[in-house]
Amino acid sequence: MLRTEKGVTPAVSISPKRKVYQGILQELRKYIDAHDLKPGDKLPSERELAETLEAGRSSIREALRAMELLGLIETRHGEGTFLSQYRPYHSVEVLSSFILQGANTRQDLLFAKKIIEKEAARIAYTHIDEEDIESLKAIVQDNVLSSEEKHVAFFQYLFYKTENLLLAKVWQLMDEFSYTISSLSYDESFYEQLLQLYQNKNFKKIEDLFYPASDWQ
């Protein structure tokens, strides 16, 4: 059975209406995080997972195959199942495929992400100085970065300037989820205009930049 540092993890009861592999994914994520597993470390056997999740081994095997296709794990014949190059967004990508199936849900996520980015831009306003503006300009003008990479780097900087760790973590999680369904970035002129507002000390126009009047017509 799966074990944590404090002992045996209780068996997970899976509702008949709930996909078996959802429970498997959640349990594996807990196991990976609790044991700080690295690429190449071995995961529990099919039998152990079947006992822990109270699921059939065929269902476990099917879920593991799907995870292998996603690059989360690799199966070595006669040896078992091992962790591949694991990164947190892999689990996010898998889980979001179940959570974000509705079109409205996807649009709501992107809209909420835009709202929190706007608030970060407003909160960071009082903490931005000329040196910060030059650093942000360098991100926008970096031709090596894709538009999505520029967007992430730009707002990571702004969230750092908010000095609000929780807000930054919420945005990061939303960004990881939205990455699995749609890339959200703005035209390059958007970032340049925001930096101009910072330079001109024009706080009131930040709201209009994110939500111009044309969006409401």
Protein backbone atom coordinates (compact mmCIF):
# COMPACT_ATOMS: atom_id res chain seq x y z
CA MET A 1 0.00 0.00 0.00
CA LEU A 2 1.02 3.62 -0.43
CA ARG A 3 2.79 4.97 2.62
CA THR A 4 3.59 8.42 3.87
CA GLU A 5 6.10 9.38 6.51
CA LYS A 6 3.35 9.12 9.11
CA GLY A 7 2.18 5.66 8.11
CA VAL A 8 -0.21 3.91 5.78
CA THR A 9 -2.49 6.05 3.64
CA PRO A 10 -6.14 4.97 4.08
CA ALA A 11 -7.81 3.30 1.13
CA VAL A 12 -9.68 5.65 -1.13
CA SER A 13 -13.30 4.83 -1.86
CA ILE A 14 -14.19 5.72 -5.46
CA SER A 15 -17.76 6.59 -6.41
CA PRO A 16 -19.21 4.48 -9.26
CA LYS A 17 -19.85 7.72 -11.14
CA ARG A 18 -16.28 8.83 -10.81
CA LYS A 19 -13.63 7.78 -13.27
CA VAL A 20 -11.25 5.32 -11.67
CA TYR A 21 -8.17 6.96 -13.13
CA GLN A 22 -9.02 10.25 -11.41
CA GLY A 23 -8.44 8.59 -8.04
CA ILE A 24 -5.26 7.02 -9.34
CA LEU A 25 -3.90 10.35 -10.54
CA GLN A 26 -4.66 12.05 -7.24
CA GLU A 27 -3.10 9.27 -5.21
CA LEU A 28 0.02 9.14 -7.35
CA ARG A 29 0.44 12.89 -7.06
CA LYS A 30 0.22 12.61 -3.26
CA TYR A 31 2.74 9.78 -3.28
CA ILE A 32 5.18 11.70 -5.50
CA ASP A 33 4.93 14.86 -3.41
CA ALA A 34 5.12 13.08 -0.03
CA HIS A 35 8.19 11.10 -0.99
CA ASP A 36 9.90 13.84 -3.03
CA LEU A 37 10.42 11.37 -5.87
CA LYS A 38 12.87 12.14 -8.63
CA PRO A 39 12.95 10.92 -12.26
CA GLY A 40 13.84 7.25 -12.24
CA ASP A 41 12.30 6.45 -8.85
CA LYS A 42 9.95 3.47 -8.74
CA LEU A 43 6.21 3.81 -8.20
CA PRO A 44 3.91 1.32 -6.44
CA SER A 45 2.98 -1.82 -8.36
CA GLU A 46 -0.36 -2.36 -10.06
CA ARG A 47 -1.37 -4.69 -7.25
CA GLU A 48 -0.58 -2.10 -4.58
CA LEU A 49 -2.51 0.58 -6.44
CA ALA A 50 -5.45 -1.74 -6.97
CA GLU A 51 -5.60 -2.52 -3.24
CA THR A 52 -5.24 1.10 -2.18
CA LEU A 53 -7.83 2.47 -4.60
CA GLU A 54 -10.14 -0.54 -4.37
CA ALA A 55 -10.13 -0.76 -8.16
CA GLY A 56 -9.58 -3.56 -10.65
CA ARG A 57 -6.05 -4.13 -11.87
CA SER A 58 -7.21 -3.82 -15.47
CA SER A 59 -8.47 -0.30 -14.72
CA ILE A 60 -5.19 0.55 -12.99
CA ARG A 61 -3.25 -0.78 -15.95
CA GLU A 62 -5.33 1.23 -18.41
CA ALA A 63 -4.83 4.44 -16.43
CA LEU A 64 -1.09 3.88 -16.18
CA ARG A 65 -0.90 3.39 -19.92
CA ALA A 66 -2.64 6.72 -20.44
CA MET A 67 -0.22 8.38 -18.04
CA GLU A 68 2.71 6.83 -19.87
CA LEU A 69 1.49 8.36 -23.14
CA LEU A 70 1.45 11.74 -21.40
CA GLY A 71 5.05 11.27 -20.36
CA LEU A 72 4.36 11.09 -16.63
CA ILE A 73 5.71 7.60 -16.14
CA GLU A 74 7.56 4.85 -17.96
CA THR A 75 7.08 1.11 -17.64
CA ARG A 76 10.09 -1.18 -17.77
CA HIS A 77 9.28 -4.79 -18.55
CA GLY A 78 9.97 -7.01 -15.57
CA GLU A 79 10.98 -4.09 -13.36
CA GLY A 80 7.88 -1.98 -12.76
CA THR A 81 6.70 1.59 -13.25
CA PHE A 82 9.05 4.53 -12.83
CA LEU A 83 8.68 8.27 -12.65
CA SER A 84 9.66 10.11 -15.81
CA GLN A 85 10.84 13.70 -16.01
CA TYR A 86 8.16 14.85 -13.58
CA ARG A 87 7.14 18.50 -13.39
CA PRO A 88 4.17 19.87 -11.43
CA TYR A 89 2.29 21.07 -14.50
CA HIS A 90 2.12 17.48 -15.79
CA SER A 91 -0.36 16.58 -13.04
CA VAL A 92 -2.15 19.86 -13.64
CA GLU A 93 -2.46 19.02 -17.33
CA VAL A 94 -3.93 15.60 -16.63
CA LEU A 95 -6.38 16.75 -13.98
CA SER A 96 -7.48 19.79 -15.95
CA SER A 97 -8.54 17.54 -18.81
CA PHE A 98 -11.36 16.40 -16.52
CA ILE A 99 -12.07 19.68 -14.72
CA LEU A 100 -12.08 22.06 -17.68
CA GLN A 101 -14.24 20.22 -20.18
CA GLY A 102 -17.03 22.82 -20.41
CA ALA A 103 -16.54 25.74 -22.79
CA ASN A 104 -17.96 28.14 -20.23
CA THR A 105 -15.55 26.88 -17.58
CA ARG A 106 -12.59 27.44 -19.88
CA GLN A 107 -13.69 30.97 -20.73
CA ASP A 108 -14.38 31.72 -17.07
CA LEU A 109 -10.83 30.64 -16.18
CA LEU A 110 -9.23 32.88 -18.80
CA PHE A 111 -11.43 35.80 -17.73
CA ALA A 112 -10.57 35.26 -14.06
CA LYS A 113 -6.89 35.08 -14.93
CA LYS A 114 -7.14 38.41 -16.73
CA ILE A 115 -8.82 39.94 -13.68
CA ILE A 116 -6.06 38.82 -11.32
CA GLU A 117 -3.39 40.06 -13.74
CA LYS A 118 -5.08 43.46 -13.80
CA GLU A 119 -5.08 43.59 -10.01
CA ALA A 120 -1.40 42.63 -9.93
CA ALA A 121 -0.66 45.50 -12.33
CA ARG A 122 -2.57 47.89 -10.06
CA ILE A 123 -1.02 46.64 -6.80
CA ALA A 124 2.50 46.68 -8.25
CA TYR A 125 2.02 50.30 -9.33
CA THR A 126 3.25 51.75 -6.04
CA HIS A 127 6.29 49.45 -5.98
CA ILE A 128 7.55 50.01 -9.53
CA ASP A 129 10.55 52.29 -10.05
CA GLU A 130 12.59 53.24 -13.12
CA GLU A 131 14.90 50.27 -12.72
CA ASP A 132 11.90 47.93 -12.67
CA ILE A 133 10.51 49.55 -15.79
CA GLU A 134 13.79 48.98 -17.62
CA SER A 135 13.79 45.33 -16.53
CA LEU A 136 10.22 44.88 -17.76
CA LYS A 137 11.10 46.58 -21.05
CA ALA A 138 13.92 44.11 -21.51
CA ILE A 139 11.44 41.25 -21.17
CA VAL A 140 9.09 42.74 -23.75
CA GLN A 141 11.92 43.39 -26.19
CA ASP A 142 13.55 39.98 -25.78
CA ASN A 143 13.28 38.39 -29.25
CA VAL A 144 14.35 35.00 -27.95
CA LEU A 145 11.15 34.61 -25.93
CA SER A 146 7.82 33.62 -27.47
CA SER A 147 4.79 35.84 -26.83
CA GLU A 148 3.56 33.39 -24.17
CA GLU A 149 6.97 33.28 -22.48
CA LYS A 150 7.14 37.06 -22.45
CA HIS A 151 3.69 37.22 -20.89
CA VAL A 152 4.61 34.79 -18.11
CA ALA A 153 7.96 36.49 -17.41
CA PHE A 154 6.36 39.94 -17.43
CA PHE A 155 3.62 39.06 -14.96
CA GLN A 156 5.89 36.96 -12.79
CA TYR A 157 7.89 40.15 -12.31
CA LEU A 158 4.75 42.15 -11.52
CA PHE A 159 3.48 39.58 -9.04
CA TYR A 160 6.88 39.66 -7.35
CA LYS A 161 6.51 43.42 -7.01
CA THR A 162 3.09 43.05 -5.36
CA GLU A 163 4.86 41.43 -2.41
CA ASN A 164 1.82 39.17 -2.06
CA LEU A 165 2.97 35.55 -2.17
CA LEU A 166 -0.53 34.09 -2.00
CA LEU A 167 -1.72 36.17 -4.94
CA ALA A 168 1.31 35.06 -6.93
CA LYS A 169 0.63 31.39 -6.16
CA VAL A 170 -3.03 31.69 -7.16
CA TRP A 171 -2.01 33.27 -10.48
CA GLN A 172 0.63 30.61 -11.08
CA LEU A 173 -1.89 27.83 -10.57
CA MET A 174 -4.38 29.54 -12.89
CA ASP A 175 -1.64 30.03 -15.47
CA GLU A 176 -0.74 26.34 -15.33
CA PHE A 177 -4.36 25.34 -15.82
CA SER A 178 -4.98 27.84 -18.63
CA TYR A 179 -1.79 26.67 -20.38
CA THR A 180 -3.49 23.29 -20.96
CA ILE A 181 -6.44 24.83 -22.82
CA SER A 182 -5.31 28.12 -24.34
CA SER A 183 -2.32 30.43 -24.28
CA LEU A 184 -3.17 33.89 -22.96
CA SER A 185 -0.95 36.78 -23.95
CA TYR A 186 -1.51 40.36 -25.07
CA ASP A 187 -0.29 42.33 -28.04
CA GLU A 188 3.20 43.73 -27.49
CA SER A 189 1.72 47.22 -27.48
CA PHE A 190 -0.25 46.30 -24.36
CA TYR A 191 2.88 45.76 -22.26
CA GLU A 192 4.46 48.92 -23.66
CA GLN A 193 1.36 50.95 -22.81
CA LEU A 194 1.29 49.58 -19.28
CA LEU A 195 4.92 50.56 -18.78
CA GLN A 196 4.10 54.01 -20.13
CA LEU A 197 1.32 54.33 -17.55
CA TYR A 198 3.81 53.43 -14.83
CA GLN A 199 6.24 56.06 -16.10
CA ASN A 200 3.55 58.73 -16.34
CA LYS A 201 2.13 57.84 -12.90
CA ASN A 202 -1.27 57.30 -14.47
CA PHE A 203 -2.85 54.74 -12.16
CA LYS A 204 -6.46 55.32 -13.24
CA LYS A 205 -5.80 54.26 -16.83
CA ILE A 206 -4.62 50.75 -15.87
CA GLU A 207 -8.22 49.56 -15.60
CA ASP A 208 -9.02 50.95 -19.07
CA LEU A 209 -5.99 49.24 -20.55
CA PHE A 210 -7.21 45.81 -19.46
CA TYR A 211 -10.85 46.53 -20.28
CA PRO A 212 -11.07 49.15 -23.04
CA ALA A 213 -14.49 50.63 -23.79
CA SER A 214 -14.65 48.72 -27.08
CA ASP A 215 -14.81 45.43 -25.15
CA TRP A 216 -18.15 46.40 -23.68
CA GLN A 217 -19.82 47.48 -26.89
